[in-house]
Structure formats: C-alpha cells, structure tokens
Amino acid sequence: MGSTPHLRKPDPDHLRQQWDTVRGNELRLERETAKRIVEALNAELSGLYILFNQVRKHYWLVEGAESNDVGDFLEGAADRLTGMTDALAIRVHALGGVPVCGPMGVRQHAPIEIEDSHHYDVRSSLERDLDGYATLAVQMRDHVELVDQLGDETTGELLREHLTTIEADAHTIEKYLADDTLVWRGPGD
C-alpha cells in the first residue's frame, strides 16, 4: 500500500499578502474605504460559497416526479452562483484584498449556516435554499447601500446585478414550493 502524500506547508518567503488584510489598490480608493468594502464582499462570497454547495448537493440528490425540472433549475442556479463568486473575488482582489476561501474564512464571514450532509426531501431542500437566497438578498441590499455611501459605484453596480439574479432564482424556488403542482394526485393521495 502506498502512503498518503503529505502537503508541504507554503514557504513564508513566497507569501504575497496575508489573509484578511487590504493593501493599496490601483482604483485609488482609500485603504480604509477599500477595507470596509472587502469585508462586505467577503461576507457575500462566504454566503455564496455555502449556498452554492447546498444547491449543488440538492441537484445531485433531487428525486421525484418533477426532478428533471427542479434538477435543471438547481444546476443552472449553481452555475450562476459560481459566476457571482468569481466576479466578486476578482473585485476583492482589485480593491487590494484577498478573497475569502477555505472553510475557516468562509465560516468567519458567512451569513448562513452550512447545511448538514444528510439527504432531505426536495421540498425541505428547496425551503432551505429559499431561506439562503433570502438571507443573501437582505445582506446584499445592505452592502449595496454601504458601497453607495462609500462612493464605489462599480461595486454597487456589480452587487445590484447579482441581487437581481439572487431575487430571480428565489422567485423560481417560490414557484416550485407553491401548493399547486402539475403532478396528478388520484383519490386518496
């Protein structure tokens, strides 16, 4: 039997920037202003990472009569969440920060809880997804207001664009959770 490879610790001489720090930026935003925006964006990234993993898990495990439609939506939603995390991480870097990554950083900044690893029914899964989307929408609105007050129009536009996507996906989940369904239920069901 082969041995498990061990990861080498990174050489401190190769460290360019320590996590949770903000350096000067080429955008000419004051460091304190950039720091507040980076903190807000890392909270967004943390929530998006957690929601992505939850939505992706629900996509893998979806079952039932409407599983194809729900599965297709969840697959697309996960892709949209990935696109948002990429755009926000790039913005964090442009602002002089280090984008949140890894479990410790994500937990430090996350506005939502990580779902247990269990397999839940589709309705319960979608209800938790909707709750995650709603939490992120509220936080994102607060951060739009913050960056507007700080004079960062570009980050504000980016967050507004993502907020529109978050709200649209939440609305779709609400439709799936409606009492009406296209699945026929016979007498006694």
Protein backbone atom coordinates (compact mmCIF):
# COMPACT_ATOMS: atom_id res chain seq x y z
CA MET A 1 0.00 0.00 0.00
CA GLY A 2 1.21 3.47 -0.86
CA SER A 3 1.45 6.14 1.73
CA THR A 4 -0.76 9.19 1.80
CA PRO A 5 1.05 12.16 0.31
CA HIS A 6 1.68 14.98 2.73
CA LEU A 7 1.09 18.55 1.72
CA ARG A 8 4.06 20.80 2.12
CA LYS A 9 3.48 23.93 4.11
CA PRO A 10 3.88 27.02 1.98
CA ASP A 11 7.18 28.79 2.30
CA PRO A 12 6.59 32.13 4.09
CA ASP A 13 9.06 33.73 1.68
CA HIS A 14 6.51 33.14 -1.10
CA LEU A 15 3.61 34.83 0.70
CA ARG A 16 2.47 37.88 -1.24
CA GLN A 17 -0.33 39.01 1.05
CA GLN A 18 -1.70 37.73 4.31
CA TRP A 19 -5.36 36.74 4.51
CA ASP A 20 -7.73 39.35 5.96
CA THR A 21 -5.52 42.28 5.01
CA VAL A 22 -6.05 45.06 2.48
CA ARG A 23 -3.17 46.73 0.68
CA GLY A 24 -3.20 49.80 -1.52
CA ASN A 25 -5.12 49.47 -4.77
CA GLU A 26 -4.93 50.85 -8.28
CA LEU A 27 -8.55 52.02 -8.07
CA ARG A 28 -7.47 54.94 -5.89
CA LEU A 29 -9.89 54.11 -3.12
CA GLU A 30 -8.58 54.94 0.33
CA ARG A 31 -7.37 51.87 2.17
CA GLU A 32 -9.96 52.17 4.98
CA THR A 33 -12.76 52.51 2.43
CA ALA A 34 -11.44 49.54 0.46
CA LYS A 35 -11.13 47.54 3.68
CA ARG A 36 -14.81 48.07 4.54
CA ILE A 37 -15.85 47.07 1.02
CA VAL A 38 -13.58 43.99 1.01
CA GLU A 39 -15.09 42.92 4.34
CA ALA A 40 -18.60 43.25 2.88
CA LEU A 41 -17.67 41.38 -0.30
CA ASN A 42 -16.03 38.57 1.66
CA ALA A 43 -19.29 38.16 3.57
CA GLU A 44 -21.07 37.93 0.20
CA LEU A 45 -18.53 35.39 -1.06
CA SER A 46 -18.90 33.28 2.08
CA GLY A 47 -22.66 33.13 1.73
CA LEU A 48 -22.44 32.39 -1.98
CA TYR A 49 -19.96 29.55 -1.37
CA ILE A 50 -22.22 27.95 1.21
CA LEU A 51 -25.34 28.39 -0.90
CA PHE A 52 -23.53 27.03 -3.97
CA ASN A 53 -22.53 23.86 -2.11
CA GLN A 54 -26.03 23.41 -0.74
CA VAL A 55 -27.72 23.97 -4.12
CA ARG A 56 -25.23 21.65 -5.83
CA LYS A 57 -25.90 18.94 -3.22
CA HIS A 58 -29.65 19.29 -3.76
CA TYR A 59 -29.10 19.00 -7.52
CA TRP A 60 -27.21 15.74 -7.02
CA LEU A 61 -29.90 14.29 -4.76
CA VAL A 62 -33.16 15.59 -6.29
CA GLU A 63 -35.80 12.87 -6.70
CA GLY A 64 -39.45 12.67 -7.60
CA ALA A 65 -41.88 13.37 -10.41
CA GLU A 66 -40.62 16.91 -11.02
CA SER A 67 -36.93 16.07 -10.52
CA ASN A 68 -35.91 16.88 -14.11
CA ASP A 69 -37.30 20.42 -13.97
CA VAL A 70 -36.07 21.06 -10.44
CA GLY A 71 -32.70 19.47 -11.23
CA ASP A 72 -32.25 21.63 -14.33
CA PHE A 73 -33.04 24.75 -12.32
CA LEU A 74 -30.65 23.78 -9.50
CA GLU A 75 -27.85 23.05 -11.96
CA GLY A 76 -28.30 26.47 -13.56
CA ALA A 77 -28.59 28.16 -10.17
CA ALA A 78 -25.30 26.60 -9.04
CA ASP A 79 -23.65 27.85 -12.23
CA ARG A 80 -24.99 31.37 -11.61
CA LEU A 81 -23.71 31.29 -8.01
CA THR A 82 -20.26 30.27 -9.31
CA GLY A 83 -20.26 33.20 -11.72
CA MET A 84 -21.13 35.57 -8.89
CA THR A 85 -18.35 34.27 -6.65
CA ASP A 86 -15.81 34.67 -9.45
CA ALA A 87 -16.85 38.27 -10.18
CA LEU A 88 -16.84 39.26 -6.50
CA ALA A 89 -13.50 37.54 -5.81
CA ILE A 90 -11.92 39.43 -8.71
CA ARG A 91 -13.35 42.68 -7.33
CA VAL A 92 -11.94 41.92 -3.85
CA HIS A 93 -8.51 41.46 -5.39
CA ALA A 94 -8.84 44.72 -7.38
CA LEU A 95 -9.68 46.51 -4.13
CA GLY A 96 -6.45 45.24 -2.56
CA GLY A 97 -7.89 42.38 -0.55
CA VAL A 98 -7.64 38.62 -0.53
CA PRO A 99 -10.90 36.85 -1.46
CA VAL A 100 -12.27 34.56 1.22
CA CYS A 101 -11.57 30.91 0.56
CA GLY A 102 -11.33 27.75 2.57
CA PRO A 103 -13.56 26.61 5.41
CA MET A 104 -12.10 28.84 8.12
CA GLY A 105 -12.53 32.08 6.17
CA VAL A 106 -15.96 31.12 4.87
CA ARG A 107 -17.25 30.29 8.37
CA GLN A 108 -15.75 33.51 9.74
CA HIS A 109 -17.76 35.68 7.33
CA ALA A 110 -20.81 33.57 6.43
CA PRO A 111 -24.31 34.95 6.95
CA ILE A 112 -25.85 31.47 6.62
CA GLU A 113 -25.22 28.11 8.26
CA ILE A 114 -23.74 25.13 6.46
CA GLU A 115 -26.45 22.51 5.94
CA ASP A 116 -25.91 19.06 7.44
CA SER A 117 -24.72 16.42 4.98
CA HIS A 118 -27.96 14.41 5.18
CA HIS A 119 -30.25 13.71 2.22
CA TYR A 120 -33.51 15.67 2.68
CA ASP A 121 -36.74 15.59 0.71
CA VAL A 122 -37.00 18.02 -2.20
CA ARG A 123 -39.47 20.41 -0.54
CA SER A 124 -37.33 20.76 2.61
CA SER A 125 -34.22 21.23 0.49
CA LEU A 126 -35.84 23.96 -1.60
CA GLU A 127 -37.18 25.68 1.53
CA ARG A 128 -33.63 25.85 2.91
CA ASP A 129 -32.36 27.10 -0.45
CA LEU A 130 -35.02 29.81 -0.46
CA ASP A 131 -34.04 30.82 3.06
CA GLY A 132 -30.39 31.06 1.96
CA TYR A 133 -31.31 33.19 -1.05
CA ALA A 134 -33.46 35.47 1.12
CA THR A 135 -30.66 35.92 3.66
CA LEU A 136 -28.19 36.76 0.91
CA ALA A 137 -30.63 39.19 -0.71
CA VAL A 138 -31.05 41.12 2.55
CA GLN A 139 -27.30 41.22 3.12
CA MET A 140 -26.64 42.25 -0.48
CA ARG A 141 -29.11 45.13 -0.23
CA ASP A 142 -27.29 46.33 2.90
CA HIS A 143 -23.97 46.11 1.09
CA VAL A 144 -25.32 48.00 -1.94
CA GLU A 145 -26.26 50.79 0.44
CA LEU A 146 -22.83 50.64 2.11
CA VAL A 147 -20.83 50.86 -1.11
CA ASP A 148 -23.08 53.65 -2.37
CA GLN A 149 -22.33 55.61 0.81
CA LEU A 150 -18.61 54.91 0.34
CA GLY A 151 -18.71 56.12 -3.28
CA ASP A 152 -17.83 52.85 -5.01
CA GLU A 153 -20.21 52.87 -7.96
CA THR A 154 -18.58 49.91 -9.71
CA THR A 155 -19.01 47.56 -6.76
CA GLY A 156 -22.56 48.88 -6.34
CA GLU A 157 -23.39 48.01 -9.95
CA LEU A 158 -21.87 44.56 -9.55
CA LEU A 159 -23.87 43.87 -6.38
CA ARG A 160 -27.08 45.18 -7.96
CA GLU A 161 -26.61 42.83 -10.92
CA HIS A 162 -26.08 39.88 -8.59
CA LEU A 163 -29.01 40.91 -6.41
CA THR A 164 -31.26 40.76 -9.47
CA THR A 165 -30.07 37.19 -10.13
CA ILE A 166 -30.50 36.17 -6.47
CA GLU A 167 -34.04 37.56 -6.43
CA ALA A 168 -34.97 35.89 -9.73
CA ASP A 169 -33.74 32.49 -8.53
CA ALA A 170 -35.54 32.94 -5.21
CA HIS A 171 -38.73 33.70 -7.12
CA THR A 172 -38.32 30.50 -9.15
CA ILE A 173 -37.88 28.47 -5.96
CA GLU A 174 -41.06 30.08 -4.57
CA LYS A 175 -42.90 28.81 -7.65
CA TYR A 176 -41.61 25.26 -7.08
CA LEU A 177 -42.77 25.45 -3.47
CA ALA A 178 -46.30 26.59 -4.38
CA ASP A 179 -49.15 24.32 -3.34
CA ASP A 180 -50.17 23.78 -6.95
CA THR A 181 -48.32 21.10 -8.86
CA LEU A 182 -48.64 19.55 -12.28
CA VAL A 183 -48.33 16.09 -10.80
CA TRP A 184 -51.72 14.37 -10.78
CA ARG A 185 -52.80 13.00 -7.46
CA GLY A 186 -55.54 10.45 -7.51
CA PRO A 187 -58.21 9.95 -4.86
CA GLY A 188 -56.76 9.05 -1.50
CA ASP A 189 -53.32 10.55 -2.25
